[in-house]
């Protein structure tokens, strides 16, 4: 407890302090408080940035290998998020004598779409392992998404199963931009058989398409972040731009082809900022 002398001393000090000095002292106190607040916010921001970066690395690892060789085939894939975490995804599975891959696009961007990614990919993997057939697998995924009773985002997906011995490719396209099959002679085929977007109607029917990969053929699949990329005048890169780029680089190895197509998209867009995530997959058969 303060003594009488201390109380008198404090009273005299306050009485001898001018109003302007009081204002300055209060200002310094507020400034220190703001500095402490800013330092705390910066720490929180740095922690969040690290967490998002780590989550992006986990997401990329869950998408499977960027590069894969299997027999006479070579596979390359990449995702390019517009906001660290991507709604576009790739999934790759290799079995004895077979390669299964999926490329998809979950509506939205950032953390929300990325959280759905793990759920959707897990369902696709489970169903393709259980059923084996791409169309049956996507039908089951679509049904289970809607039966969950959640507000599921719309999802486009291209799912393919490749027989590494004879090159037969069985695929199902659920509302995704058609994959391109580029023959060694530069002839291009669009792989569009399948069904509608996932998450709309549980009764949607899905069908398989079948194609054959011969020696020298390449398959290119991408999300709509490629075909719908716009330049300064608002023109889309489109399927025409994709076919042109695919043909131009179809003789290259898959990673070279993938990044060359991406460079074509970026050159087309010029100074226009990218507004959507991008996913790309290239599969090439080198020998029969």
C-alpha atoms as a PDB file:
ATOM      1  CA  UNK A   1       0.000   0.000   0.000  1.00  0.00           C
ATOM      2  CA  UNK A   2       1.354   3.414  -1.040  1.00  0.00           C
ATOM      3  CA  UNK A   3       2.385   5.760   1.764  1.00  0.00           C
ATOM      4  CA  UNK A   4       0.933   9.253   2.166  1.00  0.00           C
ATOM      5  CA  UNK A   5       4.210  10.719   0.889  1.00  0.00           C
ATOM      6  CA  UNK A   6       4.110   8.582  -2.284  1.00  0.00           C
ATOM      7  CA  UNK A   7       0.507   9.556  -2.994  1.00  0.00           C
ATOM      8  CA  UNK A   8       1.367  13.242  -2.578  1.00  0.00           C
ATOM      9  CA  UNK A   9       4.365  12.828  -4.927  1.00  0.00           C
ATOM     10  CA  UNK A  10       2.260  11.143  -7.635  1.00  0.00           C
ATOM     11  CA  UNK A  11      -0.384  13.861  -7.312  1.00  0.00           C
ATOM     12  CA  UNK A  12       2.239  16.606  -7.706  1.00  0.00           C
ATOM     13  CA  UNK A  13       3.690  14.862 -10.819  1.00  0.00           C
ATOM     14  CA  UNK A  14       0.283  14.607 -12.460  1.00  0.00           C
ATOM     15  CA  UNK A  15      -0.519  18.212 -11.563  1.00  0.00           C
ATOM     16  CA  UNK A  16       2.773  19.410 -13.080  1.00  0.00           C
ATOM     17  CA  UNK A  17       2.247  17.462 -16.373  1.00  0.00           C
ATOM     18  CA  UNK A  18       0.891  19.559 -19.247  1.00  0.00           C
ATOM     19  CA  UNK A  19      -2.116  18.372 -21.342  1.00  0.00           C
ATOM     20  CA  UNK A  20       0.089  18.016 -24.422  1.00  0.00           C
ATOM     21  CA  UNK A  21       2.494  15.756 -22.525  1.00  0.00           C
ATOM     22  CA  UNK A  22      -0.435  13.619 -21.412  1.00  0.00           C
ATOM     23  CA  UNK A  23      -1.607  13.310 -25.023  1.00  0.00           C
ATOM     24  CA  UNK A  24       1.896  12.372 -26.172  1.00  0.00           C
ATOM     25  CA  UNK A  25       2.223   9.738 -23.462  1.00  0.00           C
ATOM     26  CA  UNK A  26      -1.143   8.253 -24.404  1.00  0.00           C
ATOM     27  CA  UNK A  27      -0.084   8.249 -28.064  1.00  0.00           C
ATOM     28  CA  UNK A  28       3.128   6.401 -27.247  1.00  0.00           C
ATOM     29  CA  UNK A  29       1.160   3.822 -25.292  1.00  0.00           C
ATOM     30  CA  UNK A  30      -1.239   3.284 -28.195  1.00  0.00           C
ATOM     31  CA  UNK A  31       1.679   3.076 -30.651  1.00  0.00           C
ATOM     32  CA  UNK A  32       3.377   0.370 -28.556  1.00  0.00           C
ATOM     33  CA  UNK A  33       0.105  -1.550 -28.354  1.00  0.00           C
ATOM     34  CA  UNK A  34      -0.321  -1.334 -32.143  1.00  0.00           C
ATOM     35  CA  UNK A  35       3.255  -2.502 -32.698  1.00  0.00           C
ATOM     36  CA  UNK A  36       2.648  -5.494 -30.437  1.00  0.00           C
ATOM     37  CA  UNK A  37      -0.576  -6.253 -32.324  1.00  0.00           C
ATOM     38  CA  UNK A  38       1.154  -6.027 -35.706  1.00  0.00           C
ATOM     39  CA  UNK A  39       3.966  -8.301 -34.530  1.00  0.00           C
ATOM     40  CA  UNK A  40       1.399 -10.843 -33.349  1.00  0.00           C
ATOM     41  CA  UNK A  41      -0.495 -10.650 -36.661  1.00  0.00           C
ATOM     42  CA  UNK A  42       2.750 -11.093 -38.614  1.00  0.00           C
ATOM     43  CA  UNK A  43       3.552 -14.242 -36.621  1.00  0.00           C
ATOM     44  CA  UNK A  44       0.065 -15.592 -37.324  1.00  0.00           C
ATOM     45  CA  UNK A  45       0.425 -14.735 -41.036  1.00  0.00           C
ATOM     46  CA  UNK A  46       3.819 -16.453 -41.226  1.00  0.00           C
ATOM     47  CA  UNK A  47       2.432 -19.548 -39.480  1.00  0.00           C
ATOM     48  CA  UNK A  48      -0.535 -19.640 -41.866  1.00  0.00           C
ATOM     49  CA  UNK A  49       1.727 -19.220 -44.913  1.00  0.00           C
ATOM     50  CA  UNK A  50       3.918 -22.105 -43.750  1.00  0.00           C
ATOM     51  CA  UNK A  51       0.850 -24.274 -43.154  1.00  0.00           C
ATOM     52  CA  UNK A  52      -0.566 -23.510 -46.609  1.00  0.00           C
ATOM     53  CA  UNK A  53       2.812 -24.217 -48.233  1.00  0.00           C
ATOM     54  CA  UNK A  54       3.107 -27.535 -46.387  1.00  0.00           C
ATOM     55  CA  UNK A  55      -0.478 -28.430 -47.333  1.00  0.00           C
ATOM     56  CA  UNK A  56       0.331 -27.699 -50.993  1.00  0.00           C
ATOM     57  CA  UNK A  57       3.328 -30.044 -50.815  1.00  0.00           C
ATOM     58  CA  UNK A  58       1.167 -32.781 -49.286  1.00  0.00           C
ATOM     59  CA  UNK A  59      -1.471 -32.277 -51.982  1.00  0.00           C
ATOM     60  CA  UNK A  60       1.133 -32.616 -54.723  1.00  0.00           C
ATOM     61  CA  UNK A  61       2.522 -35.813 -53.203  1.00  0.00           C
ATOM     62  CA  UNK A  62      -0.993 -37.246 -52.960  1.00  0.00           C
ATOM     63  CA  UNK A  63      -1.397 -36.599 -56.682  1.00  0.00           C
ATOM     64  CA  UNK A  64       1.270 -39.207 -57.346  1.00  0.00           C
ATOM     65  CA  UNK A  65       4.600 -39.049 -59.166  1.00  0.00           C
ATOM     66  CA  UNK A  66       5.353 -36.203 -61.549  1.00  0.00           C
ATOM     67  CA  UNK A  67       7.181 -38.647 -63.797  1.00  0.00           C
ATOM     68  CA  UNK A  68       6.779 -42.378 -64.258  1.00  0.00           C
ATOM     69  CA  UNK A  69       8.183 -45.033 -66.583  1.00  0.00           C
ATOM     70  CA  UNK A  70       6.366 -48.321 -67.004  1.00  0.00           C
ATOM     71  CA  UNK A  71       7.492 -50.760 -69.672  1.00  0.00           C
ATOM     72  CA  UNK A  72       7.453 -48.978 -73.019  1.00  0.00           C
ATOM     73  CA  UNK A  73       5.429 -46.046 -71.623  1.00  0.00           C
ATOM     74  CA  UNK A  74       6.315 -42.748 -70.023  1.00  0.00           C
ATOM     75  CA  UNK A  75       3.925 -40.615 -67.964  1.00  0.00           C
ATOM     76  CA  UNK A  76       4.195 -37.009 -66.749  1.00  0.00           C
ATOM     77  CA  UNK A  77       1.813 -34.851 -64.737  1.00  0.00           C
ATOM     78  CA  UNK A  78       1.720 -31.432 -63.084  1.00  0.00           C
ATOM     79  CA  UNK A  79      -0.763 -29.219 -61.256  1.00  0.00           C
ATOM     80  CA  UNK A  80      -0.402 -25.440 -61.183  1.00  0.00           C
ATOM     81  CA  UNK A  81      -2.622 -23.833 -58.513  1.00  0.00           C
ATOM     82  CA  UNK A  82      -3.638 -20.221 -58.816  1.00  0.00           C
ATOM     83  CA  UNK A  83      -3.825 -19.899 -54.997  1.00  0.00           C
ATOM     84  CA  UNK A  84      -1.270 -22.360 -53.570  1.00  0.00           C
ATOM     85  CA  UNK A  85      -3.886 -25.115 -53.099  1.00  0.00           C
ATOM     86  CA  UNK A  86      -5.608 -26.507 -56.158  1.00  0.00           C
ATOM     87  CA  UNK A  87      -9.067 -27.726 -57.068  1.00  0.00           C
ATOM     88  CA  UNK A  88      -7.488 -29.472 -60.072  1.00  0.00           C
ATOM     89  CA  UNK A  89      -5.877 -32.808 -59.377  1.00  0.00           C
ATOM     90  CA  UNK A  90      -4.155 -35.859 -60.799  1.00  0.00           C
ATOM     91  CA  UNK A  91      -4.101 -39.385 -59.395  1.00  0.00           C
ATOM     92  CA  UNK A  92      -1.872 -42.208 -60.651  1.00  0.00           C
ATOM     93  CA  UNK A  93      -1.877 -45.903 -59.759  1.00  0.00           C
ATOM     94  CA  UNK A  94       0.301 -48.627 -61.228  1.00  0.00           C
ATOM     95  CA  UNK A  95      -0.588 -52.313 -61.131  1.00  0.00           C
ATOM     96  CA  UNK A  96       1.079 -55.314 -62.718  1.00  0.00           C
ATOM     97  CA  UNK A  97       0.645 -54.788 -66.444  1.00  0.00           C
ATOM     98  CA  UNK A  98      -1.640 -51.767 -66.024  1.00  0.00           C
ATOM     99  CA  UNK A  99      -1.561 -48.041 -65.396  1.00  0.00           C
ATOM    100  CA  UNK A 100      -4.596 -46.178 -64.051  1.00  0.00           C
ATOM    101  CA  UNK A 101      -4.744 -42.407 -63.936  1.00  0.00           C
ATOM    102  CA  UNK A 102      -7.316 -39.705 -63.332  1.00  0.00           C
ATOM    103  CA  UNK A 103      -7.314 -35.982 -63.946  1.00  0.00           C
ATOM    104  CA  UNK A 104     -10.083 -33.875 -62.470  1.00  0.00           C
ATOM    105  CA  UNK A 105     -11.351 -30.426 -61.616  1.00  0.00           C
ATOM    106  CA  UNK A 106     -13.347 -29.660 -58.465  1.00  0.00           C
ATOM    107  CA  UNK A 107     -15.380 -26.454 -58.734  1.00  0.00           C
ATOM    108  CA  UNK A 108     -13.748 -23.631 -56.806  1.00  0.00           C
ATOM    109  CA  UNK A 109     -10.197 -22.793 -55.826  1.00  0.00           C
ATOM    110  CA  UNK A 110      -8.045 -22.682 -52.724  1.00  0.00           C
ATOM    111  CA  UNK A 111      -8.436 -24.565 -49.432  1.00  0.00           C
ATOM    112  CA  UNK A 112     -12.113 -25.517 -49.831  1.00  0.00           C
ATOM    113  CA  UNK A 113     -11.596 -27.225 -53.204  1.00  0.00           C
ATOM    114  CA  UNK A 114      -8.352 -28.779 -51.959  1.00  0.00           C
ATOM    115  CA  UNK A 115     -10.131 -30.326 -48.963  1.00  0.00           C
ATOM    116  CA  UNK A 116     -12.669 -31.937 -51.297  1.00  0.00           C
ATOM    117  CA  UNK A 117      -9.780 -33.250 -53.407  1.00  0.00           C
ATOM    118  CA  UNK A 118      -8.726 -35.842 -50.819  1.00  0.00           C
ATOM    119  CA  UNK A 119     -12.312 -37.063 -50.458  1.00  0.00           C
ATOM    120  CA  UNK A 120     -12.964 -37.377 -54.197  1.00  0.00           C
ATOM    121  CA  UNK A 121      -9.609 -38.990 -55.008  1.00  0.00           C
ATOM    122  CA  UNK A 122     -10.048 -41.465 -52.161  1.00  0.00           C
ATOM    123  CA  UNK A 123     -13.444 -42.481 -53.552  1.00  0.00           C
ATOM    124  CA  UNK A 124     -12.100 -42.843 -57.103  1.00  0.00           C
ATOM    125  CA  UNK A 125      -9.198 -45.011 -55.953  1.00  0.00           C
ATOM    126  CA  UNK A 126     -11.443 -47.217 -53.851  1.00  0.00           C
ATOM    127  CA  UNK A 127     -13.994 -47.746 -56.621  1.00  0.00           C
ATOM    128  CA  UNK A 128     -11.497 -48.416 -59.407  1.00  0.00           C
ATOM    129  CA  UNK A 129      -9.725 -50.951 -57.166  1.00  0.00           C
ATOM    130  CA  UNK A 130     -13.039 -52.598 -56.302  1.00  0.00           C
ATOM    131  CA  UNK A 131     -14.800 -52.479 -59.667  1.00  0.00           C
ATOM    132  CA  UNK A 132     -11.933 -52.227 -62.152  1.00  0.00           C
ATOM    133  CA  UNK A 133     -14.131 -50.610 -64.793  1.00  0.00           C
ATOM    134  CA  UNK A 134     -13.802 -46.789 -65.212  1.00  0.00           C
ATOM    135  CA  UNK A 135     -17.485 -46.185 -66.037  1.00  0.00           C
ATOM    136  CA  UNK A 136     -18.696 -48.346 -63.155  1.00  0.00           C
ATOM    137  CA  UNK A 137     -16.225 -46.630 -60.819  1.00  0.00           C
ATOM    138  CA  UNK A 138     -17.397 -43.118 -61.741  1.00  0.00           C
ATOM    139  CA  UNK A 139     -21.035 -44.149 -61.517  1.00  0.00           C
ATOM    140  CA  UNK A 140     -20.396 -45.362 -57.959  1.00  0.00           C
ATOM    141  CA  UNK A 141     -18.451 -42.213 -57.045  1.00  0.00           C
ATOM    142  CA  UNK A 142     -21.230 -39.998 -58.394  1.00  0.00           C
ATOM    143  CA  UNK A 143     -23.887 -41.929 -56.495  1.00  0.00           C
ATOM    144  CA  UNK A 144     -21.940 -41.930 -53.223  1.00  0.00           C
ATOM    145  CA  UNK A 145     -21.184 -38.202 -53.462  1.00  0.00           C
ATOM    146  CA  UNK A 146     -24.872 -37.386 -53.725  1.00  0.00           C
ATOM    147  CA  UNK A 147     -26.019 -39.933 -51.135  1.00  0.00           C
ATOM    148  CA  UNK A 148     -23.660 -38.381 -48.574  1.00  0.00           C
ATOM    149  CA  UNK A 149     -26.166 -35.539 -48.163  1.00  0.00           C
ATOM    150  CA  UNK A 150     -23.457 -32.879 -48.388  1.00  0.00           C
ATOM    151  CA  UNK A 151     -23.367 -29.836 -50.629  1.00  0.00           C
ATOM    152  CA  UNK A 152     -20.801 -31.409 -52.909  1.00  0.00           C
ATOM    153  CA  UNK A 153     -19.018 -29.242 -55.470  1.00  0.00           C
ATOM    154  CA  UNK A 154     -19.399 -30.154 -59.130  1.00  0.00           C
ATOM    155  CA  UNK A 155     -16.475 -32.260 -60.313  1.00  0.00           C
ATOM    156  CA  UNK A 156     -15.286 -33.102 -63.812  1.00  0.00           C
ATOM    157  CA  UNK A 157     -13.066 -36.143 -64.172  1.00  0.00           C
ATOM    158  CA  UNK A 158     -11.289 -38.180 -66.831  1.00  0.00           C
ATOM    159  CA  UNK A 159     -10.446 -41.700 -65.639  1.00  0.00           C
ATOM    160  CA  UNK A 160      -8.395 -44.099 -67.769  1.00  0.00           C
ATOM    161  CA  UNK A 161      -7.037 -47.628 -67.476  1.00  0.00           C
ATOM    162  CA  UNK A 162      -4.169 -48.590 -69.779  1.00  0.00           C
ATOM    163  CA  UNK A 163      -3.150 -52.155 -70.586  1.00  0.00           C
ATOM    164  CA  UNK A 164       0.624 -51.851 -70.815  1.00  0.00           C
ATOM    165  CA  UNK A 165       0.960 -55.004 -72.901  1.00  0.00           C
ATOM    166  CA  UNK A 166      -1.351 -54.275 -75.826  1.00  0.00           C
ATOM    167  CA  UNK A 167      -1.895 -50.515 -75.434  1.00  0.00           C
ATOM    168  CA  UNK A 168      -5.661 -50.764 -74.978  1.00  0.00           C
ATOM    169  CA  UNK A 169      -6.995 -47.706 -73.173  1.00  0.00           C
ATOM    170  CA  UNK A 170     -10.388 -47.899 -71.460  1.00  0.00           C
ATOM    171  CA  UNK A 171     -11.614 -44.545 -70.238  1.00  0.00           C
ATOM    172  CA  UNK A 172     -14.630 -42.659 -68.929  1.00  0.00           C
ATOM    173  CA  UNK A 173     -14.981 -38.898 -69.220  1.00  0.00           C
ATOM    174  CA  UNK A 174     -17.319 -37.273 -66.679  1.00  0.00           C
ATOM    175  CA  UNK A 175     -17.835 -33.803 -68.135  1.00  0.00           C
ATOM    176  CA  UNK A 176     -14.101 -33.118 -68.407  1.00  0.00           C
ATOM    177  CA  UNK A 177     -12.454 -31.461 -71.431  1.00  0.00           C
ATOM    178  CA  UNK A 178     -11.802 -34.289 -73.923  1.00  0.00           C
ATOM    179  CA  UNK A 179      -8.360 -35.836 -73.703  1.00  0.00           C
ATOM    180  CA  UNK A 180      -6.410 -35.766 -76.967  1.00  0.00           C
ATOM    181  CA  UNK A 181      -4.921 -38.896 -78.495  1.00  0.00           C
ATOM    182  CA  UNK A 182      -2.179 -37.717 -80.860  1.00  0.00           C
ATOM    183  CA  UNK A 183      -1.129 -40.368 -83.329  1.00  0.00           C
ATOM    184  CA  UNK A 184       2.420 -40.661 -84.579  1.00  0.00           C
ATOM    185  CA  UNK A 185       1.194 -39.295 -87.940  1.00  0.00           C
ATOM    186  CA  UNK A 186      -0.197 -36.159 -86.114  1.00  0.00           C
ATOM    187  CA  UNK A 187      -3.830 -37.234 -86.446  1.00  0.00           C
ATOM    188  CA  UNK A 188      -5.727 -36.149 -83.310  1.00  0.00           C
ATOM    189  CA  UNK A 189      -8.663 -37.969 -81.717  1.00  0.00           C
ATOM    190  CA  UNK A 190     -10.802 -36.512 -78.923  1.00  0.00           C
ATOM    191  CA  UNK A 191     -11.668 -38.884 -76.070  1.00  0.00           C
ATOM    192  CA  UNK A 192     -15.047 -37.655 -74.838  1.00  0.00           C
ATOM    193  CA  UNK A 193     -17.149 -40.786 -74.179  1.00  0.00           C
ATOM    194  CA  UNK A 194     -18.492 -41.046 -70.643  1.00  0.00           C
ATOM    195  CA  UNK A 195     -21.205 -39.041 -68.942  1.00  0.00           C
ATOM    196  CA  UNK A 196     -22.102 -35.796 -67.200  1.00  0.00           C
ATOM    197  CA  UNK A 197     -20.339 -33.889 -64.445  1.00  0.00           C
ATOM    198  CA  UNK A 198     -20.164 -35.645 -61.069  1.00  0.00           C
ATOM    199  CA  UNK A 199     -22.389 -34.361 -58.276  1.00  0.00           C
ATOM    200  CA  UNK A 200     -25.481 -33.386 -60.292  1.00  0.00           C
ATOM    201  CA  UNK A 201     -27.733 -36.435 -60.640  1.00  0.00           C
ATOM    202  CA  UNK A 202     -27.294 -39.805 -58.932  1.00  0.00           C
ATOM    203  CA  UNK A 203     -29.062 -41.511 -61.853  1.00  0.00           C
ATOM    204  CA  UNK A 204     -26.557 -40.278 -64.452  1.00  0.00           C
ATOM    205  CA  UNK A 205     -25.416 -43.084 -66.762  1.00  0.00           C
ATOM    206  CA  UNK A 206     -21.727 -43.465 -67.559  1.00  0.00           C
ATOM    207  CA  UNK A 207     -20.178 -45.381 -70.459  1.00  0.00           C
ATOM    208  CA  UNK A 208     -16.651 -46.399 -71.342  1.00  0.00           C
ATOM    209  CA  UNK A 209     -14.742 -45.345 -74.408  1.00  0.00           C
ATOM    210  CA  UNK A 210     -11.991 -47.531 -75.840  1.00  0.00           C
ATOM    211  CA  UNK A 211      -8.911 -46.490 -77.777  1.00  0.00           C
ATOM    212  CA  UNK A 212      -5.548 -48.043 -78.571  1.00  0.00           C
ATOM    213  CA  UNK A 213      -2.140 -46.525 -77.930  1.00  0.00           C
ATOM    214  CA  UNK A 214       0.347 -47.590 -80.577  1.00  0.00           C
ATOM    215  CA  UNK A 215       4.078 -46.996 -80.608  1.00  0.00           C
ATOM    216  CA  UNK A 216       4.759 -43.266 -81.080  1.00  0.00           C
ATOM    217  CA  UNK A 217       1.285 -42.188 -79.896  1.00  0.00           C
ATOM    218  CA  UNK A 218       0.761 -39.664 -77.096  1.00  0.00           C
ATOM    219  CA  UNK A 219      -2.198 -38.826 -74.893  1.00  0.00           C
ATOM    220  CA  UNK A 220      -2.663 -35.313 -73.522  1.00  0.00           C
ATOM    221  CA  UNK A 221      -5.312 -34.482 -70.923  1.00  0.00           C
ATOM    222  CA  UNK A 222      -5.815 -31.150 -69.199  1.00  0.00           C
ATOM    223  CA  UNK A 223      -8.268 -29.200 -67.070  1.00  0.00           C
ATOM    224  CA  UNK A 224     -10.316 -26.293 -68.413  1.00  0.00           C
ATOM    225  CA  UNK A 225      -7.768 -23.908 -66.921  1.00  0.00           C
ATOM    226  CA  UNK A 226      -5.862 -24.558 -70.167  1.00  0.00           C
ATOM    227  CA  UNK A 227      -8.614 -24.347 -72.780  1.00  0.00           C
ATOM    228  CA  UNK A 228     -10.411 -21.441 -71.068  1.00  0.00           C
ATOM    229  CA  UNK A 229      -7.264 -19.381 -70.505  1.00  0.00           C
ATOM    230  CA  UNK A 230      -7.789 -15.913 -72.039  1.00  0.00           C
ATOM    231  CA  UNK A 231      -5.478 -13.348 -73.571  1.00  0.00           C
ATOM    232  CA  UNK A 232      -5.684  -9.551 -73.259  1.00  0.00           C
ATOM    233  CA  UNK A 233      -8.484  -9.344 -75.836  1.00  0.00           C
ATOM    234  CA  UNK A 234     -10.598 -11.943 -74.008  1.00  0.00           C
ATOM    235  CA  UNK A 235     -10.053 -14.723 -76.559  1.00  0.00           C
ATOM    236  CA  UNK A 236      -9.785 -18.254 -75.145  1.00  0.00           C
ATOM    237  CA  UNK A 237      -6.867 -20.571 -75.888  1.00  0.00           C
ATOM    238  CA  UNK A 238      -9.512 -23.159 -76.754  1.00  0.00           C
ATOM    239  CA  UNK A 239      -9.362 -26.700 -78.046  1.00  0.00           C
ATOM    240  CA  UNK A 240      -7.862 -25.399 -81.299  1.00  0.00           C
ATOM    241  CA  UNK A 241      -4.887 -23.911 -79.457  1.00  0.00           C
ATOM    242  CA  UNK A 242      -4.459 -27.094 -77.457  1.00  0.00           C
ATOM    243  CA  UNK A 243      -4.537 -29.304 -80.572  1.00  0.00           C
ATOM    244  CA  UNK A 244      -2.007 -27.061 -82.302  1.00  0.00           C
ATOM    245  CA  UNK A 245       0.368 -27.146 -79.311  1.00  0.00           C
ATOM    246  CA  UNK A 246      -0.124 -30.887 -78.823  1.00  0.00           C
ATOM    247  CA  UNK A 247       0.715 -31.598 -82.456  1.00  0.00           C
ATOM    248  CA  UNK A 248       3.714 -29.310 -82.388  1.00  0.00           C
ATOM    249  CA  UNK A 249       5.319 -31.093 -79.428  1.00  0.00           C
ATOM    250  CA  UNK A 250       3.897 -34.614 -79.753  1.00  0.00           C
ATOM    251  CA  UNK A 251       7.277 -36.078 -80.718  1.00  0.00           C
ATOM    252  CA  UNK A 252       8.880 -34.920 -77.460  1.00  0.00           C
ATOM    253  CA  UNK A 253       9.171 -36.876 -74.239  1.00  0.00           C
ATOM    254  CA  UNK A 254       6.166 -36.364 -71.923  1.00  0.00           C
ATOM    255  CA  UNK A 255       7.727 -33.820 -69.546  1.00  0.00           C
ATOM    256  CA  UNK A 256       9.071 -31.758 -72.431  1.00  0.00           C
ATOM    257  CA  UNK A 257       5.685 -31.899 -74.133  1.00  0.00           C
ATOM    258  CA  UNK A 258       3.849 -30.965 -70.921  1.00  0.00           C
ATOM    259  CA  UNK A 259       5.937 -27.882 -70.206  1.00  0.00           C
ATOM    260  CA  UNK A 260       5.982 -26.868 -73.867  1.00  0.00           C
ATOM    261  CA  UNK A 261       2.168 -26.913 -73.934  1.00  0.00           C
ATOM    262  CA  UNK A 262       2.132 -24.888 -70.711  1.00  0.00           C
ATOM    263  CA  UNK A 263       4.555 -22.381 -72.265  1.00  0.00           C
ATOM    264  CA  UNK A 264       2.239 -22.084 -75.280  1.00  0.00           C
ATOM    265  CA  UNK A 265      -0.645 -21.249 -72.937  1.00  0.00           C
ATOM    266  CA  UNK A 266       1.412 -18.644 -71.078  1.00  0.00           C
ATOM    267  CA  UNK A 267       2.652 -17.074 -74.322  1.00  0.00           C
ATOM    268  CA  UNK A 268      -0.945 -16.883 -75.526  1.00  0.00           C
ATOM    269  CA  UNK A 269      -2.211 -15.209 -72.344  1.00  0.00           C
ATOM    270  CA  UNK A 270       0.555 -12.600 -72.390  1.00  0.00           C
ATOM    271  CA  UNK A 271       0.158 -10.135 -69.506  1.00  0.00           C
ATOM    272  CA  UNK A 272      -3.287 -11.463 -68.618  1.00  0.00           C
ATOM    273  CA  UNK A 273      -3.189 -13.002 -65.144  1.00  0.00           C
ATOM    274  CA  UNK A 274      -4.198 -16.638 -64.869  1.00  0.00           C
ATOM    275  CA  UNK A 275      -7.584 -16.994 -63.158  1.00  0.00           C
ATOM    276  CA  UNK A 276      -7.922 -20.766 -62.834  1.00  0.00           C
ATOM    277  CA  UNK A 277      -5.942 -23.778 -61.667  1.00  0.00           C
ATOM    278  CA  UNK A 278      -4.276 -25.930 -64.315  1.00  0.00           C
ATOM    279  CA  UNK A 279      -3.653 -29.674 -64.414  1.00  0.00           C
ATOM    280  CA  UNK A 280      -1.858 -31.474 -67.243  1.00  0.00           C
ATOM    281  CA  UNK A 281      -1.143 -35.132 -67.979  1.00  0.00           C
ATOM    282  CA  UNK A 282       0.893 -36.630 -70.833  1.00  0.00           C
ATOM    283  CA  UNK A 283       1.262 -40.343 -71.570  1.00  0.00           C
ATOM    284  CA  UNK A 284       3.441 -41.580 -74.431  1.00  0.00           C
ATOM    285  CA  UNK A 285       4.055 -45.060 -75.769  1.00  0.00           C
ATOM    286  CA  UNK A 286       7.583 -45.487 -77.062  1.00  0.00           C
ATOM    287  CA  UNK A 287       7.605 -49.152 -78.010  1.00  0.00           C
ATOM    288  CA  UNK A 288       5.089 -51.874 -78.796  1.00  0.00           C
END
